Amino acid sequence: MAAKAQPPIVSAEEWEKARAELLVAEKEATRAEDRLAAQRRRLPMVQFGEYTFAAPDGPVTLRELFGDQQQLALYQFMNVGPDALCGGCTYFTNNVTNLDTLARNGIAWATVSDMPLEQMAGDWKRMGWEHIPFASSAGTTFSADCGAGGGFLLNMFFRDGDTVYRTYSTGQRGVDRLMFSTLVSDLAPYGRQEDWEDSPEGWPQQPTYG
């Protein structure tokens, strides 16, 4: 097997110079992200309808998914049919951890899907996701109303008493950038090893959903 391409070897002084140059760009990107976050915090909100989902302990409303929190992060898990799980949503959900820290920031987390509740319950147990609250949106218009359609989407909600508002939503790369494993991979020499990445010639790459 041919050896993989690898970064060039340089002196410590050359490495420090290259790292310092990259740090300038990283700080610029961090400040840009801070500006985006500040703009995001200033988004208006829109009242959202009430929905009732099927949950393991019985019907649960969108409002009830907040629990005692005022903010809710709600992930719409793609339904790809019986006896199957969306690979991308599975990858994302494997990264959902540390919900206690979110709760301390006043944020509840839940996952909904147009998959039947029985299917979700079996998958949650099999995948070891018991720490992640879930409910089935099957039979409701929630997925369509929030713009997910047949896909996936992360929505952020806010409640004032029992009135629920949507403050933010994101999909595609907006969800992708939230994952621990991809963020750490972006720091590694070979990156995510996906074929869309701008990597040096000879770097290992494979189709994103290969």
N, C-alpha and C. Protein backbone atom coordinates (compact mmCIF):
# COMPACT_ATOMS: atom_id res chain seq x y z
N MET A 1 0.85 -1.20 0.00
CA MET A 1 0.00 0.00 0.00
C MET A 1 0.88 1.24 0.00
N ALA A 2 0.59 2.16 -0.89
CA ALA A 2 1.37 3.38 -0.99
C ALA A 2 1.17 4.25 0.25
N ALA A 3 2.26 4.89 0.66
CA ALA A 3 2.17 5.77 1.82
C ALA A 3 1.31 6.99 1.50
N LYS A 4 0.54 7.43 2.48
CA LYS A 4 -0.28 8.62 2.29
C LYS A 4 0.61 9.85 2.22
N ALA A 5 0.15 10.85 1.48
CA ALA A 5 0.83 12.13 1.50
C ALA A 5 0.75 12.70 2.91
N GLN A 6 1.68 13.56 3.25
CA GLN A 6 1.70 14.12 4.59
C GLN A 6 2.23 15.54 4.55
N PRO A 7 2.01 16.32 5.62
CA PRO A 7 2.51 17.70 5.64
C PRO A 7 4.02 17.74 5.52
N PRO A 8 4.56 18.81 4.93
CA PRO A 8 6.02 18.93 4.84
C PRO A 8 6.66 19.08 6.22
N ILE A 9 7.87 18.62 6.35
CA ILE A 9 8.61 18.74 7.61
C ILE A 9 9.48 20.00 7.53
N VAL A 10 9.38 20.84 8.54
CA VAL A 10 10.13 22.09 8.56
C VAL A 10 10.81 22.25 9.92
N SER A 11 11.59 23.30 10.04
CA SER A 11 12.23 23.59 11.32
C SER A 11 11.21 24.17 12.30
N ALA A 12 11.57 24.18 13.57
CA ALA A 12 10.69 24.74 14.60
C ALA A 12 10.39 26.21 14.31
N GLU A 13 11.41 26.94 13.82
CA GLU A 13 11.21 28.36 13.54
C GLU A 13 10.23 28.56 12.38
N GLU A 14 10.34 27.74 11.34
CA GLU A 14 9.43 27.84 10.21
C GLU A 14 8.00 27.48 10.63
N TRP A 15 7.90 26.45 11.50
CA TRP A 15 6.56 26.06 11.97
C TRP A 15 5.92 27.18 12.77
N GLU A 16 6.70 27.81 13.67
CA GLU A 16 6.16 28.90 14.49
C GLU A 16 5.68 30.05 13.60
N LYS A 17 6.42 30.35 12.54
CA LYS A 17 6.04 31.45 11.64
C LYS A 17 4.73 31.10 10.92
N ALA A 18 4.61 29.87 10.42
CA ALA A 18 3.40 29.45 9.71
C ALA A 18 2.20 29.43 10.66
N ARG A 19 2.45 28.96 11.89
CA ARG A 19 1.35 28.90 12.87
C ARG A 19 0.89 30.31 13.22
N ALA A 20 1.82 31.25 13.37
CA ALA A 20 1.46 32.62 13.70
C ALA A 20 0.64 33.25 12.58
N GLU A 21 0.96 32.95 11.34
CA GLU A 21 0.20 33.48 10.21
C GLU A 21 -1.23 32.93 10.21
N LEU A 22 -1.35 31.64 10.50
CA LEU A 22 -2.69 31.04 10.56
C LEU A 22 -3.49 31.61 11.73
N LEU A 23 -2.81 31.89 12.85
CA LEU A 23 -3.50 32.42 14.03
C LEU A 23 -4.18 33.76 13.72
N VAL A 24 -3.56 34.57 12.88
CA VAL A 24 -4.16 35.84 12.49
C VAL A 24 -5.50 35.58 11.80
N ALA A 25 -5.52 34.61 10.87
CA ALA A 25 -6.76 34.28 10.16
C ALA A 25 -7.78 33.66 11.11
N GLU A 26 -7.31 32.83 12.04
CA GLU A 26 -8.23 32.21 13.01
C GLU A 26 -8.89 33.26 13.90
N LYS A 27 -8.11 34.24 14.35
CA LYS A 27 -8.68 35.29 15.20
C LYS A 27 -9.70 36.12 14.42
N GLU A 28 -9.42 36.36 13.15
CA GLU A 28 -10.36 37.09 12.31
C GLU A 28 -11.67 36.31 12.17
N ALA A 29 -11.55 34.98 11.97
CA ALA A 29 -12.75 34.14 11.86
C ALA A 29 -13.52 34.10 13.18
N THR A 30 -12.81 34.06 14.30
CA THR A 30 -13.47 34.05 15.61
C THR A 30 -14.25 35.33 15.83
N ARG A 31 -13.65 36.46 15.48
CA ARG A 31 -14.35 37.75 15.64
C ARG A 31 -15.58 37.80 14.72
N ALA A 32 -15.44 37.22 13.51
CA ALA A 32 -16.59 37.18 12.60
C ALA A 32 -17.71 36.31 13.17
N GLU A 33 -17.35 35.17 13.78
CA GLU A 33 -18.35 34.31 14.42
C GLU A 33 -19.01 35.02 15.60
N ASP A 34 -18.22 35.80 16.35
CA ASP A 34 -18.79 36.56 17.47
C ASP A 34 -19.80 37.59 16.96
N ARG A 35 -19.48 38.22 15.83
CA ARG A 35 -20.41 39.19 15.26
C ARG A 35 -21.69 38.51 14.79
N LEU A 36 -21.55 37.33 14.19
CA LEU A 36 -22.72 36.57 13.76
C LEU A 36 -23.59 36.17 14.96
N ALA A 37 -22.94 35.72 16.03
CA ALA A 37 -23.69 35.32 17.23
C ALA A 37 -24.44 36.52 17.81
N ALA A 38 -23.80 37.68 17.80
CA ALA A 38 -24.45 38.89 18.30
C ALA A 38 -25.65 39.24 17.43
N GLN A 39 -25.49 39.10 16.11
CA GLN A 39 -26.61 39.37 15.20
C GLN A 39 -27.73 38.35 15.41
N ARG A 40 -27.35 37.12 15.66
CA ARG A 40 -28.33 36.06 15.90
C ARG A 40 -29.15 36.35 17.16
N ARG A 41 -28.49 36.88 18.19
CA ARG A 41 -29.19 37.20 19.44
C ARG A 41 -30.18 38.35 19.26
N ARG A 42 -30.02 39.10 18.19
CA ARG A 42 -30.90 40.23 17.92
C ARG A 42 -32.00 39.91 16.91
N LEU A 43 -32.11 38.65 16.51
CA LEU A 43 -33.19 38.26 15.60
C LEU A 43 -34.55 38.45 16.27
N PRO A 44 -35.55 38.87 15.52
CA PRO A 44 -36.91 38.89 16.07
C PRO A 44 -37.42 37.46 16.20
N MET A 45 -38.60 37.30 16.76
CA MET A 45 -39.18 35.96 16.87
C MET A 45 -40.61 35.99 16.34
N VAL A 46 -41.11 34.81 15.98
CA VAL A 46 -42.44 34.70 15.41
C VAL A 46 -43.22 33.64 16.19
N GLN A 47 -44.48 33.95 16.49
CA GLN A 47 -45.28 32.98 17.22
C GLN A 47 -45.46 31.72 16.39
N PHE A 48 -45.34 30.58 17.06
CA PHE A 48 -45.44 29.30 16.37
C PHE A 48 -46.65 28.54 16.89
N GLY A 49 -47.24 27.75 16.01
CA GLY A 49 -48.45 27.03 16.37
C GLY A 49 -48.22 25.98 17.44
N GLU A 50 -49.30 25.46 17.97
CA GLU A 50 -49.22 24.41 18.98
C GLU A 50 -49.35 23.06 18.30
N TYR A 51 -48.56 22.12 18.75
CA TYR A 51 -48.55 20.77 18.17
C TYR A 51 -48.55 19.76 19.31
N THR A 52 -49.09 18.60 19.03
CA THR A 52 -49.06 17.50 19.99
C THR A 52 -48.38 16.31 19.33
N PHE A 53 -47.33 15.83 19.99
CA PHE A 53 -46.53 14.72 19.48
C PHE A 53 -46.79 13.47 20.31
N ALA A 54 -46.45 12.33 19.74
CA ALA A 54 -46.50 11.07 20.48
C ALA A 54 -45.17 10.88 21.18
N ALA A 55 -45.19 10.59 22.46
CA ALA A 55 -43.97 10.42 23.25
C ALA A 55 -44.08 9.15 24.08
N PRO A 56 -42.95 8.65 24.59
CA PRO A 56 -42.97 7.39 25.35
C PRO A 56 -43.95 7.38 26.53
N ASP A 57 -44.12 8.53 27.18
CA ASP A 57 -45.02 8.58 28.35
C ASP A 57 -46.40 9.15 28.00
N GLY A 58 -46.72 9.20 26.71
CA GLY A 58 -48.01 9.72 26.30
C GLY A 58 -47.87 10.99 25.48
N PRO A 59 -48.97 11.55 24.99
CA PRO A 59 -48.91 12.75 24.17
C PRO A 59 -48.19 13.89 24.88
N VAL A 60 -47.40 14.65 24.10
CA VAL A 60 -46.67 15.79 24.65
C VAL A 60 -46.79 16.94 23.66
N THR A 61 -47.02 18.13 24.16
CA THR A 61 -47.14 19.29 23.29
C THR A 61 -45.77 19.92 23.06
N LEU A 62 -45.71 20.78 22.05
CA LEU A 62 -44.47 21.52 21.81
C LEU A 62 -44.10 22.32 23.05
N ARG A 63 -45.07 22.94 23.67
CA ARG A 63 -44.81 23.70 24.90
C ARG A 63 -44.23 22.80 25.99
N GLU A 64 -44.74 21.59 26.12
CA GLU A 64 -44.28 20.69 27.18
C GLU A 64 -42.85 20.20 26.96
N LEU A 65 -42.38 20.25 25.72
CA LEU A 65 -40.99 19.83 25.47
C LEU A 65 -39.98 20.79 26.12
N PHE A 66 -40.42 22.00 26.46
CA PHE A 66 -39.55 22.95 27.16
C PHE A 66 -39.27 22.49 28.59
N GLY A 67 -40.18 21.71 29.16
CA GLY A 67 -40.07 21.43 30.59
C GLY A 67 -40.17 22.73 31.37
N ASP A 68 -39.22 22.97 32.27
CA ASP A 68 -39.20 24.20 33.05
C ASP A 68 -38.35 25.29 32.41
N GLN A 69 -37.76 25.00 31.24
CA GLN A 69 -36.86 25.96 30.61
C GLN A 69 -37.63 26.96 29.75
N GLN A 70 -36.99 28.07 29.45
CA GLN A 70 -37.61 29.10 28.62
C GLN A 70 -37.19 28.98 27.16
N GLN A 71 -36.13 28.21 26.90
CA GLN A 71 -35.61 28.05 25.55
C GLN A 71 -35.56 26.57 25.20
N LEU A 72 -35.75 26.27 23.92
CA LEU A 72 -35.77 24.88 23.47
C LEU A 72 -35.03 24.75 22.16
N ALA A 73 -34.09 23.81 22.12
CA ALA A 73 -33.44 23.40 20.87
C ALA A 73 -34.13 22.12 20.42
N LEU A 74 -34.70 22.13 19.23
CA LEU A 74 -35.48 20.99 18.75
C LEU A 74 -34.95 20.53 17.40
N TYR A 75 -34.44 19.31 17.37
CA TYR A 75 -33.88 18.76 16.14
C TYR A 75 -34.89 17.88 15.44
N GLN A 76 -35.11 18.14 14.15
CA GLN A 76 -36.00 17.31 13.33
C GLN A 76 -35.16 16.24 12.66
N PHE A 77 -35.33 15.00 13.09
CA PHE A 77 -34.58 13.84 12.60
C PHE A 77 -35.29 13.31 11.35
N MET A 78 -34.55 13.15 10.27
CA MET A 78 -35.14 12.74 9.00
C MET A 78 -35.73 11.33 9.08
N ASN A 79 -36.88 11.16 8.48
CA ASN A 79 -37.52 9.85 8.39
C ASN A 79 -37.19 9.24 7.03
N VAL A 80 -36.45 8.14 7.02
CA VAL A 80 -36.09 7.49 5.75
C VAL A 80 -36.77 6.14 5.60
N GLY A 81 -37.83 5.92 6.38
CA GLY A 81 -38.60 4.70 6.22
C GLY A 81 -38.35 3.69 7.33
N PRO A 82 -39.15 2.61 7.34
CA PRO A 82 -39.02 1.60 8.40
C PRO A 82 -37.69 0.86 8.32
N ASP A 83 -37.20 0.45 9.47
CA ASP A 83 -35.97 -0.35 9.56
C ASP A 83 -34.76 0.37 8.99
N ALA A 84 -34.76 1.72 9.07
CA ALA A 84 -33.62 2.49 8.56
C ALA A 84 -33.47 3.77 9.37
N LEU A 85 -32.25 4.25 9.44
CA LEU A 85 -31.96 5.52 10.10
C LEU A 85 -31.15 6.38 9.14
N CYS A 86 -31.49 7.66 9.06
CA CYS A 86 -30.71 8.60 8.27
C CYS A 86 -29.28 8.62 8.79
N GLY A 87 -28.31 8.39 7.90
CA GLY A 87 -26.92 8.35 8.32
C GLY A 87 -26.44 9.68 8.89
N GLY A 88 -26.81 10.79 8.23
CA GLY A 88 -26.37 12.09 8.71
C GLY A 88 -26.99 12.45 10.05
N CYS A 89 -28.28 12.15 10.23
CA CYS A 89 -28.95 12.45 11.50
C CYS A 89 -28.40 11.56 12.62
N THR A 90 -28.06 10.33 12.26
CA THR A 90 -27.46 9.42 13.24
C THR A 90 -26.11 9.96 13.70
N TYR A 91 -25.31 10.39 12.74
CA TYR A 91 -24.00 10.96 13.04
C TYR A 91 -24.15 12.18 13.94
N PHE A 92 -25.12 13.04 13.61
CA PHE A 92 -25.36 14.24 14.41
C PHE A 92 -25.81 13.87 15.83
N THR A 93 -26.76 12.96 15.93
CA THR A 93 -27.33 12.61 17.24
C THR A 93 -26.29 11.95 18.14
N ASN A 94 -25.34 11.23 17.55
CA ASN A 94 -24.25 10.66 18.34
C ASN A 94 -23.41 11.75 19.00
N ASN A 95 -23.49 12.97 18.49
CA ASN A 95 -22.73 14.08 19.05
C ASN A 95 -23.50 14.88 20.10
N VAL A 96 -24.77 14.52 20.32
CA VAL A 96 -25.60 15.28 21.27
C VAL A 96 -25.32 14.77 22.68
N THR A 97 -24.60 15.56 23.44
CA THR A 97 -24.23 15.18 24.81
C THR A 97 -24.30 16.42 25.70
N ASN A 98 -24.02 16.21 26.97
CA ASN A 98 -23.87 17.31 27.93
C ASN A 98 -25.11 18.20 27.98
N LEU A 99 -26.27 17.56 27.99
CA LEU A 99 -27.52 18.33 28.04
C LEU A 99 -27.69 19.06 29.37
N ASP A 100 -26.99 18.61 30.41
CA ASP A 100 -27.07 19.29 31.70
C ASP A 100 -26.52 20.71 31.61
N THR A 101 -25.46 20.89 30.82
CA THR A 101 -24.90 22.24 30.66
C THR A 101 -25.87 23.14 29.91
N LEU A 102 -26.53 22.59 28.90
CA LEU A 102 -27.56 23.37 28.20
C LEU A 102 -28.66 23.78 29.17
N ALA A 103 -29.06 22.85 30.01
CA ALA A 103 -30.13 23.14 30.97
C ALA A 103 -29.72 24.27 31.92
N ARG A 104 -28.46 24.28 32.32
CA ARG A 104 -27.99 25.34 33.20
C ARG A 104 -28.03 26.70 32.50
N ASN A 105 -28.01 26.68 31.16
CA ASN A 105 -28.14 27.91 30.38
C ASN A 105 -29.59 28.19 30.00
N GLY A 106 -30.51 27.42 30.59
CA GLY A 106 -31.92 27.65 30.35
C GLY A 106 -32.43 27.08 29.05
N ILE A 107 -31.74 26.07 28.51
CA ILE A 107 -32.10 25.50 27.21
C ILE A 107 -32.44 24.02 27.37
N ALA A 108 -33.62 23.64 26.93
CA ALA A 108 -34.00 22.23 26.86
C ALA A 108 -33.65 21.70 25.47
N TRP A 109 -33.45 20.39 25.36
CA TRP A 109 -33.17 19.75 24.08
C TRP A 109 -34.16 18.62 23.87
N ALA A 110 -34.63 18.49 22.64
CA ALA A 110 -35.47 17.34 22.28
C ALA A 110 -35.29 17.07 20.79
N THR A 111 -35.57 15.84 20.41
CA THR A 111 -35.55 15.42 19.01
C THR A 111 -36.93 14.92 18.62
N VAL A 112 -37.41 15.37 17.47
CA VAL A 112 -38.67 14.86 16.95
C VAL A 112 -38.41 14.31 15.55
N SER A 113 -39.28 13.43 15.11
CA SER A 113 -39.15 12.84 13.78
C SER A 113 -40.51 12.37 13.30
N ASP A 114 -40.67 12.34 11.99
CA ASP A 114 -41.89 11.78 11.42
C ASP A 114 -41.87 10.25 11.44
N MET A 115 -40.82 9.67 11.99
CA MET A 115 -40.82 8.22 12.20
C MET A 115 -41.90 7.87 13.23
N PRO A 116 -42.53 6.70 13.13
CA PRO A 116 -43.48 6.28 14.17
C PRO A 116 -42.79 6.18 15.52
N LEU A 117 -43.54 6.41 16.58
CA LEU A 117 -42.96 6.39 17.92
C LEU A 117 -42.32 5.05 18.23
N GLU A 118 -42.97 3.95 17.86
CA GLU A 118 -42.41 2.63 18.15
C GLU A 118 -41.04 2.46 17.50
N GLN A 119 -40.91 2.94 16.29
CA GLN A 119 -39.62 2.85 15.61
C GLN A 119 -38.57 3.70 16.32
N MET A 120 -38.94 4.93 16.69
CA MET A 120 -38.00 5.80 17.39
C MET A 120 -37.56 5.18 18.71
N ALA A 121 -38.51 4.64 19.47
CA ALA A 121 -38.18 4.05 20.76
C ALA A 121 -37.18 2.92 20.61
N GLY A 122 -37.38 2.06 19.61
CA GLY A 122 -36.45 0.97 19.39
C GLY A 122 -35.08 1.47 18.98
N ASP A 123 -35.05 2.47 18.11
CA ASP A 123 -33.77 3.02 17.65
C ASP A 123 -33.04 3.74 18.78
N TRP A 124 -33.77 4.48 19.60
CA TRP A 124 -33.14 5.21 20.71
C TRP A 124 -32.48 4.22 21.68
N LYS A 125 -33.15 3.11 21.95
CA LYS A 125 -32.58 2.11 22.85
C LYS A 125 -31.37 1.43 22.21
N ARG A 126 -31.51 1.07 20.96
CA ARG A 126 -30.43 0.37 20.26
C ARG A 126 -29.19 1.24 20.11
N MET A 127 -29.38 2.54 19.91
CA MET A 127 -28.26 3.45 19.68
C MET A 127 -27.71 4.05 20.97
N GLY A 128 -28.34 3.76 22.11
CA GLY A 128 -27.86 4.30 23.37
C GLY A 128 -28.14 5.79 23.53
N TRP A 129 -29.27 6.24 23.00
CA TRP A 129 -29.64 7.65 23.06
C TRP A 129 -30.68 7.93 24.14
N GLU A 130 -30.75 7.10 25.14
CA GLU A 130 -31.80 7.26 26.15
C GLU A 130 -31.74 8.60 26.87
N HIS A 131 -30.57 9.26 26.85
CA HIS A 131 -30.44 10.56 27.52
C HIS A 131 -31.06 11.69 26.71
N ILE A 132 -31.49 11.42 25.47
CA ILE A 132 -32.01 12.46 24.58
C ILE A 132 -33.54 12.36 24.52
N PRO A 133 -34.27 13.34 25.02
CA PRO A 133 -35.73 13.29 24.93
C PRO A 133 -36.17 13.24 23.47
N PHE A 134 -37.21 12.45 23.17
CA PHE A 134 -37.66 12.33 21.79
C PHE A 134 -39.18 12.19 21.74
N ALA A 135 -39.71 12.51 20.57
CA ALA A 135 -41.14 12.38 20.33
C ALA A 135 -41.36 12.23 18.83
N SER A 136 -42.47 11.64 18.47
CA SER A 136 -42.80 11.44 17.06
C SER A 136 -43.74 12.54 16.58
N SER A 137 -43.34 13.19 15.49
CA SER A 137 -44.19 14.21 14.87
C SER A 137 -45.03 13.62 13.74
N ALA A 138 -45.02 12.30 13.62
CA ALA A 138 -45.82 11.64 12.58
C ALA A 138 -47.29 12.02 12.71
N GLY A 139 -47.92 12.30 11.58
CA GLY A 139 -49.33 12.65 11.61
C GLY A 139 -49.59 14.12 11.89
N THR A 140 -48.53 14.91 12.12
CA THR A 140 -48.68 16.35 12.33
C THR A 140 -48.08 17.09 11.13
N THR A 141 -48.32 18.38 11.08
CA THR A 141 -47.75 19.20 10.01
C THR A 141 -46.49 19.92 10.48
N PHE A 142 -45.97 19.52 11.64
CA PHE A 142 -44.85 20.26 12.23
C PHE A 142 -43.66 20.34 11.28
N SER A 143 -43.23 19.22 10.72
CA SER A 143 -42.06 19.20 9.86
C SER A 143 -42.24 20.14 8.67
N ALA A 144 -43.40 20.08 8.05
CA ALA A 144 -43.67 20.96 6.91
C ALA A 144 -43.76 22.42 7.34
N ASP A 145 -44.40 22.67 8.46
CA ASP A 145 -44.63 24.05 8.91
C ASP A 145 -43.32 24.75 9.29
N CYS A 146 -42.35 23.99 9.79
CA CYS A 146 -41.09 24.63 10.18
C CYS A 146 -40.08 24.64 9.05
N GLY A 147 -40.45 24.07 7.89
CA GLY A 147 -39.58 24.14 6.72
C GLY A 147 -38.65 22.97 6.53
N ALA A 148 -38.75 21.96 7.39
CA ALA A 148 -37.88 20.80 7.25
C ALA A 148 -38.34 19.92 6.09
N GLY A 149 -39.65 19.91 5.85
CA GLY A 149 -40.17 19.02 4.81
C GLY A 149 -39.81 17.59 5.15
N GLY A 150 -39.18 16.90 4.22
CA GLY A 150 -38.74 15.54 4.49
C GLY A 150 -37.32 15.46 4.96
N GLY A 151 -36.72 16.61 5.26
CA GLY A 151 -35.31 16.64 5.64
C GLY A 151 -35.09 16.82 7.12
N PHE A 152 -33.95 17.40 7.47
CA PHE A 152 -33.59 17.63 8.87
C PHE A 152 -33.42 19.12 9.10
N LEU A 153 -33.60 19.54 10.34
CA LEU A 153 -33.53 20.95 10.67
C LEU A 153 -33.38 21.10 12.17
N LEU A 154 -32.64 22.10 12.58
CA LEU A 154 -32.54 22.45 13.99
C LEU A 154 -33.27 23.77 14.20
N ASN A 155 -34.26 23.76 15.07
CA ASN A 155 -35.03 24.95 15.40
C ASN A 155 -34.73 25.39 16.83
N MET A 156 -34.72 26.68 17.04
CA MET A 156 -34.62 27.23 18.38
C MET A 156 -35.93 27.94 18.70
N PHE A 157 -36.49 27.60 19.88
CA PHE A 157 -37.77 28.18 20.30
C PHE A 157 -37.60 28.90 21.64
N PHE A 158 -38.51 29.82 21.88
CA PHE A 158 -38.54 30.60 23.11
C PHE A 158 -40.00 30.64 23.56
N ARG A 159 -40.21 30.60 24.87
CA ARG A 159 -41.58 30.68 25.34
C ARG A 159 -41.74 31.84 26.31
N ASP A 160 -42.87 32.48 26.19
CA ASP A 160 -43.29 33.52 27.13
C ASP A 160 -44.56 33.00 27.77
N GLY A 161 -44.46 32.46 28.97
CA GLY A 161 -45.58 31.76 29.57
C GLY A 161 -45.83 30.49 28.77
N ASP A 162 -47.03 30.33 28.25
CA ASP A 162 -47.35 29.15 27.45
C ASP A 162 -47.35 29.45 25.95
N THR A 163 -46.96 30.64 25.57
CA THR A 163 -46.90 31.00 24.15
C THR A 163 -45.51 30.71 23.61
N VAL A 164 -45.46 29.96 22.49
CA VAL A 164 -44.19 29.51 21.92
C VAL A 164 -43.86 30.34 20.68
N TYR A 165 -42.59 30.73 20.59
CA TYR A 165 -42.10 31.50 19.45
C TYR A 165 -40.88 30.80 18.84
N ARG A 166 -40.73 30.93 17.53
CA ARG A 166 -39.50 30.44 16.90
C ARG A 166 -38.54 31.61 16.74
N THR A 167 -37.29 31.40 17.15
CA THR A 167 -36.29 32.47 17.08
C THR A 167 -35.23 32.21 16.01
N TYR A 168 -35.01 30.93 15.65
CA TYR A 168 -33.90 30.62 14.73
C TYR A 168 -34.09 29.23 14.18
N SER A 169 -33.58 29.00 12.97
CA SER A 169 -33.53 27.65 12.42
C SER A 169 -32.32 27.53 11.52
N THR A 170 -31.79 26.32 11.41
CA THR A 170 -30.64 26.10 10.53
C THR A 170 -30.62 24.64 10.09
N GLY A 171 -30.08 24.41 8.92
CA GLY A 171 -29.93 23.06 8.39
C GLY A 171 -28.61 22.94 7.66
N GLN A 172 -28.41 21.84 6.97
CA GLN A 172 -27.22 21.62 6.16
C GLN A 172 -25.94 21.94 6.96
N ARG A 173 -25.08 22.84 6.44
CA ARG A 173 -23.81 23.14 7.10
C ARG A 173 -24.00 23.83 8.44
N GLY A 174 -25.16 24.48 8.64
CA GLY A 174 -25.42 25.09 9.94
C GLY A 174 -25.52 24.07 11.04
N VAL A 175 -26.03 22.88 10.72
CA VAL A 175 -26.06 21.77 11.68
C VAL A 175 -24.69 21.10 11.74
N ASP A 176 -24.08 20.96 10.59
CA ASP A 176 -22.78 20.31 10.49
C ASP A 176 -21.73 20.95 11.40
N ARG A 177 -21.76 22.27 11.51
CA ARG A 177 -20.72 22.96 12.28
C ARG A 177 -20.87 22.80 13.79
N LEU A 178 -21.96 22.16 14.24
CA LEU A 178 -22.19 21.99 15.66
C LEU A 178 -21.57 20.72 16.23
N MET A 179 -21.05 19.84 15.37
CA MET A 179 -20.65 18.51 15.83
C MET A 179 -19.21 18.46 16.32
N PHE A 180 -19.04 17.86 17.49
CA PHE A 180 -17.72 17.73 18.11
C PHE A 180 -16.73 17.04 17.18
N SER A 181 -17.13 15.92 16.61
CA SER A 181 -16.19 15.12 15.82
C SER A 181 -15.73 15.85 14.56
N THR A 182 -16.64 16.60 13.92
CA THR A 182 -16.22 17.33 12.73
C THR A 182 -15.36 18.53 13.08
N LEU A 183 -15.67 19.19 14.19
CA LEU A 183 -14.87 20.34 14.61
C LEU A 183 -13.43 19.92 14.94
N VAL A 184 -13.28 18.80 15.64
CA VAL A 184 -11.94 18.32 15.96
C VAL A 184 -11.23 17.86 14.68
N SER A 185 -11.98 17.19 13.79
CA SER A 185 -11.38 16.74 12.53
C SER A 185 -10.86 17.92 11.71
N ASP A 186 -11.55 19.06 11.79
CA ASP A 186 -11.11 20.25 11.05
C ASP A 186 -9.76 20.76 11.55
N LEU A 187 -9.35 20.37 12.75
CA LEU A 187 -8.05 20.78 13.30
C LEU A 187 -6.94 19.82 12.91
N ALA A 188 -7.30 18.64 12.42
CA ALA A 188 -6.32 17.60 12.12
C ALA A 188 -5.73 17.79 10.71
N PRO A 189 -4.50 17.30 10.49
CA PRO A 189 -3.86 17.49 9.18
C PRO A 189 -4.69 17.01 8.00
N TYR A 190 -5.35 15.85 8.13
CA TYR A 190 -6.13 15.31 7.02
C TYR A 190 -7.57 15.83 6.98
N GLY A 191 -7.97 16.63 7.97
CA GLY A 191 -9.31 17.18 7.98
C GLY A 191 -10.36 16.09 8.13
N ARG A 192 -11.51 16.31 7.51
CA ARG A 192 -12.60 15.33 7.59
C ARG A 192 -12.44 14.21 6.56
N GLN A 193 -11.50 14.39 5.66
CA GLN A 193 -11.23 13.42 4.59
C GLN A 193 -12.45 13.22 3.69
N GLU A 194 -13.18 14.31 3.45
CA GLU A 194 -14.34 14.27 2.56
C GLU A 194 -13.98 14.96 1.24
N ASP A 195 -14.58 14.50 0.15
CA ASP A 195 -14.11 14.92 -1.17
C ASP A 195 -14.45 16.36 -1.54
N TRP A 196 -15.29 17.04 -0.74
CA TRP A 196 -15.59 18.44 -1.04
C TRP A 196 -14.54 19.39 -0.47
N GLU A 197 -13.69 18.89 0.44
CA GLU A 197 -12.73 19.74 1.12
C GLU A 197 -11.59 20.15 0.17
N ASP A 198 -11.10 21.37 0.38
CA ASP A 198 -9.93 21.86 -0.34
C ASP A 198 -8.70 21.38 0.41
N SER A 199 -8.16 20.24 0.01
CA SER A 199 -7.00 19.64 0.67
C SER A 199 -5.84 19.55 -0.31
N PRO A 200 -4.61 19.44 0.19
CA PRO A 200 -3.46 19.29 -0.71
C PRO A 200 -3.56 18.02 -1.56
N GLU A 201 -2.87 18.02 -2.66
CA GLU A 201 -2.84 16.86 -3.55
C GLU A 201 -2.36 15.63 -2.79
N GLY A 202 -3.08 14.52 -2.95
CA GLY A 202 -2.68 13.26 -2.34
C GLY A 202 -3.27 13.01 -0.97
N TRP A 203 -3.98 14.02 -0.40
CA TRP A 203 -4.59 13.82 0.92
C TRP A 203 -5.71 12.77 0.80
N PRO A 204 -5.86 11.90 1.81
CA PRO A 204 -6.94 10.90 1.75
C PRO A 204 -8.31 11.56 1.78
N GLN A 205 -9.16 11.21 0.83
CA GLN A 205 -10.51 11.75 0.78
C GLN A 205 -11.47 10.70 0.27
N GLN A 206 -12.72 10.83 0.69
CA GLN A 206 -13.75 9.89 0.25
C GLN A 206 -15.08 10.65 0.13
N PRO A 207 -16.05 10.10 -0.58
CA PRO A 207 -17.34 10.78 -0.69
C PRO A 207 -17.94 11.04 0.68
N THR A 208 -18.55 12.22 0.84
CA THR A 208 -19.09 12.62 2.15
C THR A 208 -20.05 11.58 2.71
N TYR A 209 -20.92 11.06 1.86
CA TYR A 209 -21.89 10.07 2.33
C TYR A 209 -21.53 8.69 1.82
N GLY A 210 -20.26 8.46 1.60
CA GLY A 210 -19.82 7.18 1.04
C GLY A 210 -19.85 6.15 2.05
